[in-house]
PDB file of all heavy atoms in Angstrom:
ATOM      1  N   GLN A   1      66.897 103.152  79.074  1.00  0.00           N
ATOM      2  CA  GLN A   1      66.729 102.268  80.210  1.00  0.00           C
ATOM      3  C   GLN A   1      67.935 102.419  81.133  1.00  0.00           C
ATOM      4  O   GLN A   1      69.081 102.281  80.698  1.00  0.00           O
ATOM      5  CB  GLN A   1      66.594 100.832  79.739  1.00  0.00           C
ATOM      6  CG  GLN A   1      65.371 100.600  78.855  1.00  0.00           C
ATOM      7  CD  GLN A   1      65.296  99.171  78.353  1.00  0.00           C
ATOM      8  OE1 GLN A   1      65.753  98.253  79.013  1.00  0.00           O
ATOM      9  NE2 GLN A   1      64.705  98.978  77.187  1.00  0.00           N
ATOM     10  N   ALA A   2      67.678 102.696  82.395  1.00  0.00           N
ATOM     11  CA  ALA A   2      68.761 102.854  83.363  1.00  0.00           C
ATOM     12  C   ALA A   2      69.120 101.513  84.000  1.00  0.00           C
ATOM     13  O   ALA A   2      70.246 101.038  83.871  1.00  0.00           O
ATOM     14  CB  ALA A   2      68.369 103.869  84.433  1.00  0.00           C
ATOM     15  N   PHE A   3      68.151 100.878  84.672  1.00  0.00           N
ATOM     16  CA  PHE A   3      68.425  99.576  85.296  1.00  0.00           C
ATOM     17  C   PHE A   3      67.115  98.911  85.698  1.00  0.00           C
ATOM     18  O   PHE A   3      66.084  99.581  85.864  1.00  0.00           O
ATOM     19  CB  PHE A   3      69.338  99.723  86.518  1.00  0.00           C
ATOM     20  CG  PHE A   3      68.774 100.596  87.622  1.00  0.00           C
ATOM     21  CD1 PHE A   3      67.969 100.068  88.631  1.00  0.00           C
ATOM     22  CD2 PHE A   3      69.054 101.967  87.644  1.00  0.00           C
ATOM     23  CE1 PHE A   3      67.465 100.865  89.636  1.00  0.00           C
ATOM     24  CE2 PHE A   3      68.549 102.776  88.650  1.00  0.00           C
ATOM     25  CZ  PHE A   3      67.748 102.220  89.646  1.00  0.00           C
ATOM     26  N   GLN A   4      67.173  97.595  85.845  1.00  0.00           N
ATOM     27  CA  GLN A   4      66.027  96.856  86.361  1.00  0.00           C
ATOM     28  C   GLN A   4      65.988  97.006  87.873  1.00  0.00           C
ATOM     29  O   GLN A   4      67.006  96.839  88.555  1.00  0.00           O
ATOM     30  CB  GLN A   4      66.102  95.381  85.981  1.00  0.00           C
ATOM     31  CG  GLN A   4      64.897  94.572  86.455  1.00  0.00           C
ATOM     32  CD  GLN A   4      64.958  93.116  86.026  1.00  0.00           C
ATOM     33  OE1 GLN A   4      65.557  92.783  85.018  1.00  0.00           O
ATOM     34  NE2 GLN A   4      64.331  92.249  86.804  1.00  0.00           N
ATOM     35  N   VAL A   5      64.819  97.322  88.393  1.00  0.00           N
ATOM     36  CA  VAL A   5      64.646  97.560  89.827  1.00  0.00           C
ATOM     37  C   VAL A   5      64.387  96.223  90.528  1.00  0.00           C
ATOM     38  O   VAL A   5      63.478  95.481  90.145  1.00  0.00           O
ATOM     39  CB  VAL A   5      63.459  98.517  90.069  1.00  0.00           C
ATOM     40  CG1 VAL A   5      63.251  98.748  91.566  1.00  0.00           C
ATOM     41  CG2 VAL A   5      63.682  99.838  89.336  1.00  0.00           C
ATOM     42  N   PRO A   6      65.175  95.908  91.545  1.00  0.00           N
ATOM     43  CA  PRO A   6      64.946  94.654  92.284  1.00  0.00           C
ATOM     44  C   PRO A   6      63.729  94.779  93.189  1.00  0.00           C
ATOM     45  O   PRO A   6      63.738  95.544  94.156  1.00  0.00           O
ATOM     46  CB  PRO A   6      66.238  94.488  93.092  1.00  0.00           C
ATOM     47  CG  PRO A   6      66.760  95.879  93.269  1.00  0.00           C
ATOM     48  CD  PRO A   6      66.348  96.663  92.053  1.00  0.00           C
ATOM     49  N   VAL A   7      62.664  94.042  92.862  1.00  0.00           N
ATOM     50  CA  VAL A   7      61.417  94.113  93.625  1.00  0.00           C
ATOM     51  C   VAL A   7      61.295  92.875  94.512  1.00  0.00           C
ATOM     52  O   VAL A   7      61.205  91.755  94.004  1.00  0.00           O
ATOM     53  CB  VAL A   7      60.197  94.190  92.687  1.00  0.00           C
ATOM     54  CG1 VAL A   7      58.901  94.188  93.498  1.00  0.00           C
ATOM     55  CG2 VAL A   7      60.272  95.436  91.817  1.00  0.00           C
ATOM     56  N   PRO A   8      61.310  93.026  95.824  1.00  0.00           N
ATOM     57  CA  PRO A   8      61.170  91.867  96.716  1.00  0.00           C
ATOM     58  C   PRO A   8      59.875  91.108  96.427  1.00  0.00           C
ATOM     59  O   PRO A   8      58.793  91.693  96.367  1.00  0.00           O
ATOM     60  CB  PRO A   8      61.130  92.500  98.109  1.00  0.00           C
ATOM     61  CG  PRO A   8      61.847  93.815  97.951  1.00  0.00           C
ATOM     62  CD  PRO A   8      61.485  94.289  96.575  1.00  0.00           C
ATOM     63  N   GLY A   9      59.982  89.813  96.199  1.00  0.00           N
ATOM     64  CA  GLY A   9      58.796  89.002  95.931  1.00  0.00           C
ATOM     65  C   GLY A   9      58.379  88.947  94.479  1.00  0.00           C
ATOM     66  O   GLY A   9      57.534  88.136  94.105  1.00  0.00           O
ATOM     67  N   GLY A  10      58.955  89.820  93.645  1.00  0.00           N
ATOM     68  CA  GLY A  10      58.618  89.805  92.228  1.00  0.00           C
ATOM     69  C   GLY A  10      57.281  90.466  91.917  1.00  0.00           C
ATOM     70  O   GLY A  10      56.592  90.978  92.804  1.00  0.00           O
ATOM     71  N   ILE A  11      56.911  90.458  90.633  1.00  0.00           N
ATOM     72  CA  ILE A  11      55.682  91.097  90.145  1.00  0.00           C
ATOM     73  C   ILE A  11      54.838  90.034  89.458  1.00  0.00           C
ATOM     74  O   ILE A  11      55.258  89.438  88.462  1.00  0.00           O
ATOM     75  CB  ILE A  11      56.011  92.242  89.171  1.00  0.00           C
ATOM     76  CG1 ILE A  11      56.812  93.337  89.891  1.00  0.00           C
ATOM     77  CG2 ILE A  11      54.744  92.815  88.552  1.00  0.00           C
ATOM     78  CD1 ILE A  11      57.291  94.456  88.984  1.00  0.00           C
ATOM     79  N   HIS A  12      53.633  89.828  89.975  1.00  0.00           N
ATOM     80  CA  HIS A  12      52.767  88.763  89.461  1.00  0.00           C
ATOM     81  C   HIS A  12      51.366  89.312  89.178  1.00  0.00           C
ATOM     82  O   HIS A  12      50.834  90.106  89.960  1.00  0.00           O
ATOM     83  CB  HIS A  12      52.695  87.619  90.462  1.00  0.00           C
ATOM     84  CG  HIS A  12      54.041  87.085  90.844  1.00  0.00           C
ATOM     85  ND1 HIS A  12      54.762  86.245  90.028  1.00  0.00           N
ATOM     86  CD2 HIS A  12      54.819  87.309  91.944  1.00  0.00           C
ATOM     87  CE1 HIS A  12      55.907  85.954  90.603  1.00  0.00           C
ATOM     88  NE2 HIS A  12      55.976  86.584  91.772  1.00  0.00           N
ATOM     89  N   TYR A  13      50.780  88.850  88.079  1.00  0.00           N
ATOM     90  CA  TYR A  13      49.462  89.318  87.628  1.00  0.00           C
ATOM     91  C   TYR A  13      48.409  88.220  87.808  1.00  0.00           C
ATOM     92  O   TYR A  13      48.518  87.159  87.193  1.00  0.00           O
ATOM     93  CB  TYR A  13      49.517  89.690  86.149  1.00  0.00           C
ATOM     94  CG  TYR A  13      50.176  91.007  85.835  1.00  0.00           C
ATOM     95  CD1 TYR A  13      51.507  91.244  86.130  1.00  0.00           C
ATOM     96  CD2 TYR A  13      49.458  92.031  85.213  1.00  0.00           C
ATOM     97  CE1 TYR A  13      52.121  92.442  85.834  1.00  0.00           C
ATOM     98  CE2 TYR A  13      50.058  93.243  84.903  1.00  0.00           C
ATOM     99  CZ  TYR A  13      51.394  93.446  85.221  1.00  0.00           C
ATOM    100  OH  TYR A  13      51.987  94.639  84.917  1.00  0.00           O
ATOM    101  N   PRO A  14      47.368  88.450  88.614  1.00  0.00           N
ATOM    102  CA  PRO A  14      46.278  87.491  88.752  1.00  0.00           C
ATOM    103  C   PRO A  14      45.014  87.955  88.006  1.00  0.00           C
ATOM    104  O   PRO A  14      44.835  89.149  87.736  1.00  0.00           O
ATOM    105  CB  PRO A  14      46.029  87.491  90.254  1.00  0.00           C
ATOM    106  CG  PRO A  14      46.292  88.930  90.634  1.00  0.00           C
ATOM    107  CD  PRO A  14      47.356  89.461  89.684  1.00  0.00           C
ATOM    108  N   LEU A  15      44.141  87.020  87.701  1.00  0.00           N
ATOM    109  CA  LEU A  15      42.827  87.361  87.158  1.00  0.00           C
ATOM    110  C   LEU A  15      41.800  86.404  87.740  1.00  0.00           C
ATOM    111  O   LEU A  15      42.136  85.339  88.258  1.00  0.00           O
ATOM    112  CB  LEU A  15      42.802  87.348  85.633  1.00  0.00           C
ATOM    113  CG  LEU A  15      42.692  86.029  84.865  1.00  0.00           C
ATOM    114  CD1 LEU A  15      42.517  86.308  83.377  1.00  0.00           C
ATOM    115  CD2 LEU A  15      43.873  85.129  85.079  1.00  0.00           C
ATOM    116  N   ALA A  16      40.519  86.801  87.667  1.00  0.00           N
ATOM    117  CA  ALA A  16      39.455  85.993  88.262  1.00  0.00           C
ATOM    118  C   ALA A  16      38.117  86.408  87.674  1.00  0.00           C
ATOM    119  O   ALA A  16      37.973  87.497  87.103  1.00  0.00           O
ATOM    120  CB  ALA A  16      39.430  86.160  89.782  1.00  0.00           C
ATOM    121  N   VAL A  17      37.129  85.537  87.842  1.00  0.00           N
ATOM    122  CA  VAL A  17      35.755  85.861  87.476  1.00  0.00           C
ATOM    123  C   VAL A  17      35.152  86.700  88.602  1.00  0.00           C
ATOM    124  O   VAL A  17      35.298  86.379  89.788  1.00  0.00           O
ATOM    125  CB  VAL A  17      34.921  84.583  87.272  1.00  0.00           C
ATOM    126  CG1 VAL A  17      33.457  84.925  86.988  1.00  0.00           C
ATOM    127  CG2 VAL A  17      35.494  83.748  86.129  1.00  0.00           C
ATOM    128  N   VAL A  18      34.508  87.790  88.245  1.00  0.00           N
ATOM    129  CA  VAL A  18      33.855  88.645  89.232  1.00  0.00           C
ATOM    130  C   VAL A  18      32.610  87.934  89.763  1.00  0.00           C
ATOM    131  O   VAL A  18      31.882  87.279  89.009  1.00  0.00           O
ATOM    132  CB  VAL A  18      33.500  90.009  88.606  1.00  0.00           C
ATOM    133  CG1 VAL A  18      32.707  90.873  89.585  1.00  0.00           C
ATOM    134  CG2 VAL A  18      34.780  90.725  88.186  1.00  0.00           C
ATOM    135  N   LYS A  19      32.369  88.056  91.056  1.00  0.00           N
ATOM    136  CA  LYS A  19      31.288  87.323  91.727  1.00  0.00           C
ATOM    137  C   LYS A  19      29.937  87.566  91.065  1.00  0.00           C
ATOM    138  O   LYS A  19      29.120  86.649  90.943  1.00  0.00           O
ATOM    139  CB  LYS A  19      31.250  87.750  93.191  1.00  0.00           C
ATOM    140  CG  LYS A  19      30.482  86.834  94.117  1.00  0.00           C
ATOM    141  CD  LYS A  19      31.236  85.533  94.331  1.00  0.00           C
ATOM    142  CE  LYS A  19      30.676  84.717  95.481  1.00  0.00           C
ATOM    143  NZ  LYS A  19      30.982  85.301  96.796  1.00  0.00           N
ATOM    144  N   ASN A  20      29.674  88.792  90.654  1.00  0.00           N
ATOM    145  CA  ASN A  20      28.375  89.135  90.071  1.00  0.00           C
ATOM    146  C   ASN A  20      28.386  89.104  88.549  1.00  0.00           C
ATOM    147  O   ASN A  20      27.564  89.762  87.901  1.00  0.00           O
ATOM    148  CB  ASN A  20      27.922  90.512  90.566  1.00  0.00           C
ATOM    149  CG  ASN A  20      27.630  90.519  92.051  1.00  0.00           C
ATOM    150  OD1 ASN A  20      27.195  89.511  92.613  1.00  0.00           O
ATOM    151  ND2 ASN A  20      27.866  91.648  92.711  1.00  0.00           N
ATOM    152  N   SER A  21      29.291  88.345  87.950  1.00  0.00           N
ATOM    153  CA  SER A  21      29.353  88.233  86.490  1.00  0.00           C
ATOM    154  C   SER A  21      28.016  87.760  85.928  1.00  0.00           C
ATOM    155  O   SER A  21      27.378  86.846  86.458  1.00  0.00           O
ATOM    156  CB  SER A  21      30.449  87.241  86.089  1.00  0.00           C
ATOM    157  OG  SER A  21      30.347  86.914  84.717  1.00  0.00           O
ATOM    158  N   ARG A  22      27.615  88.381  84.816  1.00  0.00           N
ATOM    159  CA  ARG A  22      26.382  87.969  84.136  1.00  0.00           C
ATOM    160  C   ARG A  22      26.615  86.739  83.270  1.00  0.00           C
ATOM    161  O   ARG A  22      25.675  86.060  82.876  1.00  0.00           O
ATOM    162  CB  ARG A  22      25.871  89.124  83.258  1.00  0.00           C
ATOM    163  CG  ARG A  22      25.493  90.385  84.023  1.00  0.00           C
ATOM    164  CD  ARG A  22      25.470  91.605  83.130  1.00  0.00           C
ATOM    165  NE  ARG A  22      26.803  91.848  82.553  1.00  0.00           N
ATOM    166  CZ  ARG A  22      27.079  92.851  81.730  1.00  0.00           C
ATOM    167  NH1 ARG A  22      26.119  93.699  81.384  1.00  0.00           N
ATOM    168  NH2 ARG A  22      28.297  93.014  81.253  1.00  0.00           N
ATOM    169  N   ASN A  23      27.887  86.455  82.954  1.00  0.00           N
ATOM    170  CA  ASN A  23      28.235  85.340  82.079  1.00  0.00           C
ATOM    171  C   ASN A  23      29.415  84.566  82.661  1.00  0.00           C
ATOM    172  O   ASN A  23      30.501  84.532  82.081  1.00  0.00           O
ATOM    173  CB  ASN A  23      28.589  85.850  80.674  1.00  0.00           C
ATOM    174  CG  ASN A  23      27.466  86.634  80.035  1.00  0.00           C
ATOM    175  OD1 ASN A  23      26.415  86.088  79.726  1.00  0.00           O
ATOM    176  ND2 ASN A  23      27.673  87.935  79.842  1.00  0.00           N
ATOM    177  N   PRO A  24      29.233  83.927  83.818  1.00  0.00           N
ATOM    178  CA  PRO A  24      30.371  83.283  84.480  1.00  0.00           C
ATOM    179  C   PRO A  24      31.004  82.160  83.669  1.00  0.00           C
ATOM    180  O   PRO A  24      32.222  81.980  83.720  1.00  0.00           O
ATOM    181  CB  PRO A  24      29.769  82.771  85.788  1.00  0.00           C
ATOM    182  CG  PRO A  24      28.292  82.688  85.541  1.00  0.00           C
ATOM    183  CD  PRO A  24      27.991  83.801  84.594  1.00  0.00           C
ATOM    184  N   GLU A  25      30.211  81.400  82.920  1.00  0.00           N
ATOM    185  CA  GLU A  25      30.785  80.305  82.130  1.00  0.00           C
ATOM    186  C   GLU A  25      31.692  80.849  81.032  1.00  0.00           C
ATOM    187  O   GLU A  25      32.810  80.380  80.835  1.00  0.00           O
ATOM    188  CB  GLU A  25      29.677  79.452  81.526  1.00  0.00           C
ATOM    189  CG  GLU A  25      30.211  78.249  80.747  1.00  0.00           C
ATOM    190  CD  GLU A  25      29.103  77.365  80.208  1.00  0.00           C
ATOM    191  OE1 GLU A  25      27.919  77.617  80.524  1.00  0.00           O
ATOM    192  OE2 GLU A  25      29.419  76.427  79.449  1.00  0.00           O
ATOM    193  N   GLN A  26      31.206  81.879  80.314  1.00  0.00           N
ATOM    194  CA  GLN A  26      32.033  82.484  79.268  1.00  0.00           C
ATOM    195  C   GLN A  26      33.240  83.188  79.872  1.00  0.00           C
ATOM    196  O   GLN A  26      34.317  83.229  79.263  1.00  0.00           O
ATOM    197  CB  GLN A  26      31.183  83.472  78.446  1.00  0.00           C
ATOM    198  CG  GLN A  26      30.142  82.817  77.564  1.00  0.00           C
ATOM    199  CD  GLN A  26      28.865  82.447  78.320  1.00  0.00           C
ATOM    200  OE1 GLN A  26      28.755  82.707  79.531  1.00  0.00           O
ATOM    201  NE2 GLN A  26      27.922  81.829  77.647  1.00  0.00           N
ATOM    202  N   ALA A  27      33.078  83.754  81.062  1.00  0.00           N
ATOM    203  CA  ALA A  27      34.207  84.401  81.733  1.00  0.00           C
ATOM    204  C   ALA A  27      35.305  83.388  82.027  1.00  0.00           C
ATOM    205  O   ALA A  27      36.500  83.668  81.858  1.00  0.00           O
ATOM    206  CB  ALA A  27      33.730  85.073  83.027  1.00  0.00           C
ATOM    207  N   ARG A  28      34.913  82.180  82.451  1.00  0.00           N
ATOM    208  CA  ARG A  28      35.908  81.130  82.696  1.00  0.00           C
ATOM    209  C   ARG A  28      36.587  80.709  81.397  1.00  0.00           C
ATOM    210  O   ARG A  28      37.791  80.410  81.383  1.00  0.00           O
ATOM    211  CB  ARG A  28      35.242  79.930  83.382  1.00  0.00           C
ATOM    212  CG  ARG A  28      34.893  80.176  84.845  1.00  0.00           C
ATOM    213  CD  ARG A  28      34.520  78.895  85.552  1.00  0.00           C
ATOM    214  NE  ARG A  28      33.232  78.390  85.082  1.00  0.00           N
ATOM    215  CZ  ARG A  28      32.071  78.724  85.614  1.00  0.00           C
ATOM    216  NH1 ARG A  28      32.010  79.571  86.625  1.00  0.00           N
ATOM    217  NH2 ARG A  28      30.955  78.219  85.141  1.00  0.00           N
ATOM    218  N   HIS A  29      35.840  80.697  80.301  1.00  0.00           N
ATOM    219  CA  HIS A  29      36.440  80.374  79.005  1.00  0.00           C
ATOM    220  C   HIS A  29      37.497  81.413  78.629  1.00  0.00           C
ATOM    221  O   HIS A  29      38.551  81.069  78.082  1.00  0.00           O
ATOM    222  CB  HIS A  29      35.369  80.320  77.920  1.00  0.00           C
ATOM    223  CG  HIS A  29      34.460  79.138  78.027  1.00  0.00           C
ATOM    224  ND1 HIS A  29      33.267  79.053  77.347  1.00  0.00           N
ATOM    225  CD2 HIS A  29      34.573  77.993  78.739  1.00  0.00           C
ATOM    226  CE1 HIS A  29      32.687  77.896  77.640  1.00  0.00           C
ATOM    227  NE2 HIS A  29      33.459  77.243  78.480  1.00  0.00           N
ATOM    228  N   PHE A  30      37.206  82.688  78.911  1.00  0.00           N
ATOM    229  CA  PHE A  30      38.169  83.746  78.592  1.00  0.00           C
ATOM    230  C   PHE A  30      39.439  83.578  79.419  1.00  0.00           C
ATOM    231  O   PHE A  30      40.554  83.707  78.898  1.00  0.00           O
ATOM    232  CB  PHE A  30      37.555  85.123  78.842  1.00  0.00           C
ATOM    233  CG  PHE A  30      38.484  86.268  78.503  1.00  0.00           C
ATOM    234  CD1 PHE A  30      38.607  86.721  77.205  1.00  0.00           C
ATOM    235  CD2 PHE A  30      39.248  86.880  79.493  1.00  0.00           C
ATOM    236  CE1 PHE A  30      39.463  87.764  76.888  1.00  0.00           C
ATOM    237  CE2 PHE A  30      40.114  87.914  79.187  1.00  0.00           C
ATOM    238  CZ  PHE A  30      40.216  88.352  77.876  1.00  0.00           C
ATOM    239  N   ILE A  31      39.287  83.280  80.700  1.00  0.00           N
ATOM    240  CA  ILE A  31      40.460  83.064  81.551  1.00  0.00           C
ATOM    241  C   ILE A  31      41.290  81.897  81.030  1.00  0.00           C
ATOM    242  O   ILE A  31      42.524  81.959  80.987  1.00  0.00           O
ATOM    243  CB  ILE A  31      40.014  82.831  83.009  1.00  0.00           C
ATOM    244  CG1 ILE A  31      39.530  84.149  83.625  1.00  0.00           C
ATOM    245  CG2 ILE A  31      41.153  82.241  83.844  1.00  0.00           C
ATOM    246  CD1 ILE A  31      39.000  84.017  85.037  1.00  0.00           C
ATOM    247  N   ALA A  32      40.619  80.824  80.629  1.00  0.00           N
ATOM    248  CA  ALA A  32      41.342  79.671  80.079  1.00  0.00           C
ATOM    249  C   ALA A  32      42.104  80.055  78.824  1.00  0.00           C
ATOM    250  O   ALA A  32      43.230  79.582  78.596  1.00  0.00           O
ATOM    251  CB  ALA A  32      40.362  78.542  79.784  1.00  0.00           C
ATOM    252  N   PHE A  33      41.527  80.939  78.012  1.00  0.00           N
ATOM    253  CA  PHE A  33      42.207  81.382  76.797  1.00  0.00           C
ATOM    254  C   PHE A  33      43.447  82.203  77.144  1.00  0.00           C
ATOM    255  O   PHE A  33      44.501  82.043  76.516  1.00  0.00           O
ATOM    256  CB  PHE A  33      41.256  82.200  75.927  1.00  0.00           C
ATOM    257  CG  PHE A  33      41.845  82.599  74.601  1.00  0.00           C
ATOM    258  CD1 PHE A  33      41.821  81.719  73.526  1.00  0.00           C
ATOM    259  CD2 PHE A  33      42.430  83.839  74.419  1.00  0.00           C
ATOM    260  CE1 PHE A  33      42.374  82.069  72.298  1.00  0.00           C
ATOM    261  CE2 PHE A  33      42.991  84.200  73.208  1.00  0.00           C
ATOM    262  CZ  PHE A  33      42.964  83.310  72.141  1.00  0.00           C
ATOM    263  N   VAL A  34      43.348  83.084  78.132  1.00  0.00           N
ATOM    264  CA  VAL A  34      44.503  83.891  78.544  1.00  0.00           C
ATOM    265  C   VAL A  34      45.649  82.987  78.980  1.00  0.00           C
ATOM    266  O   VAL A  34      46.822  83.255  78.693  1.00  0.00           O
ATOM    267  CB  VAL A  34      44.107  84.860  79.678  1.00  0.00           C
ATOM    268  CG1 VAL A  34      45.344  85.554  80.251  1.00  0.00           C
ATOM    269  CG2 VAL A  34      43.103  85.892  79.188  1.00  0.00           C
ATOM    270  N   ARG A  35      45.321  81.888  79.645  1.00  0.00           N
ATOM    271  CA  ARG A  35      46.346  80.981  80.146  1.00  0.00           C
ATOM    272  C   ARG A  35      46.743  79.907  79.134  1.00  0.00           C
ATOM    273  O   ARG A  35      47.640  79.106  79.403  1.00  0.00           O
ATOM    274  CB  ARG A  35      45.870  80.325  81.444  1.00  0.00           C
ATOM    275  CG  ARG A  35      45.851  81.300  82.621  1.00  0.00           C
ATOM    276  CD  ARG A  35      45.377  80.614  83.900  1.00  0.00           C
ATOM    277  NE  ARG A  35      46.120  79.389  84.171  1.00  0.00           N
ATOM    278  CZ  ARG A  35      47.303  79.340  84.767  1.00  0.00           C
ATOM    279  NH1 ARG A  35      47.911  80.468  85.145  1.00  0.00           N
ATOM    280  NH2 ARG A  35      47.890  78.182  84.990  1.00  0.00           N
ATOM    281  N   SER A  36      46.072  79.884  77.989  1.00  0.00           N
ATOM    282  CA  SER A  36      46.397  78.896  76.959  1.00  0.00           C
ATOM    283  C   SER A  36      47.725  79.245  76.294  1.00  0.00           C
ATOM    284  O   SER A  36      48.279  80.342  76.483  1.00  0.00           O
ATOM    285  CB  SER A  36      45.298  78.861  75.902  1.00  0.00           C
ATOM    286  OG  SER A  36      45.322  80.039  75.110  1.00  0.00           O
ATOM    287  N   GLU A  37      48.233  78.340  75.486  1.00  0.00           N
ATOM    288  CA  GLU A  37      49.489  78.580  74.774  1.00  0.00           C
ATOM    289  C   GLU A  37      49.397  79.825  73.896  1.00  0.00           C
ATOM    290  O   GLU A  37      50.334  80.626  73.836  1.00  0.00           O
ATOM    291  CB  GLU A  37      49.841  77.349  73.926  1.00  0.00           C
ATOM    292  CG  GLU A  37      51.175  77.466  73.208  1.00  0.00           C
ATOM    293  CD  GLU A  37      51.548  76.204  72.440  1.00  0.00           C
ATOM    294  OE1 GLU A  37      50.936  75.151  72.718  1.00  0.00           O
ATOM    295  OE2 GLU A  37      52.434  76.282  71.578  1.00  0.00           O
ATOM    296  N   GLN A  38      48.252  80.007  73.240  1.00  0.00           N
ATOM    297  CA  GLN A  38      48.083  81.180  72.374  1.00  0.00           C
ATOM    298  C   GLN A  38      48.061  82.467  73.193  1.00  0.00           C
ATOM    299  O   GLN A  38      48.714  83.456  72.840  1.00  0.00           O
ATOM    300  CB  GLN A  38      46.791  81.057  71.561  1.00  0.00           C
ATOM    301  CG  GLN A  38      46.594  82.188  70.554  1.00  0.00           C
ATOM    302  CD  GLN A  38      45.358  82.012  69.698  1.00  0.00           C
ATOM    303  OE1 GLN A  38      44.606  81.038  69.861  1.00  0.00           O
ATOM    304  NE2 GLN A  38      45.121  82.922  68.775  1.00  0.00           N
ATOM    305  N   GLY A  39      47.321  82.457  74.296  1.00  0.00           N
ATOM    306  CA  GLY A  39      47.265  83.651  75.137  1.00  0.00           C
ATOM    307  C   GLY A  39      48.616  83.988  75.743  1.00  0.00           C
ATOM    308  O   GLY A  39      49.016  85.158  75.795  1.00  0.00           O
ATOM    309  N   GLN A  40      49.342  82.977  76.179  1.00  0.00           N
ATOM    310  CA  GLN A  40      50.663  83.203  76.774  1.00  0.00           C
ATOM    311  C   GLN A  40      51.657  83.715  75.734  1.00  0.00           C
ATOM    312  O   GLN A  40      52.531  84.535  76.037  1.00  0.00           O
ATOM    313  CB  GLN A  40      51.175  81.918  77.418  1.00  0.00           C
ATOM    314  CG  GLN A  40      50.397  81.507  78.669  1.00  0.00           C
ATOM    315  CD  GLN A  40      50.562  82.490  79.813  1.00  0.00           C
ATOM    316  OE1 GLN A  40      51.660  82.699  80.305  1.00  0.00           O
ATOM    317  NE2 GLN A  40      49.454  83.109  80.224  1.00  0.00           N
TER     318      GLN A  40
END
């Protein structure tokens, strides 16, 4: 490792349910799990 690169604004990861999802309710459950204490 040489050095950490200073990135203006930082690096952030978003997620979302796709508009044409076949299982939007389950997709929301998955997102909630990713953001839960266990997922984090």
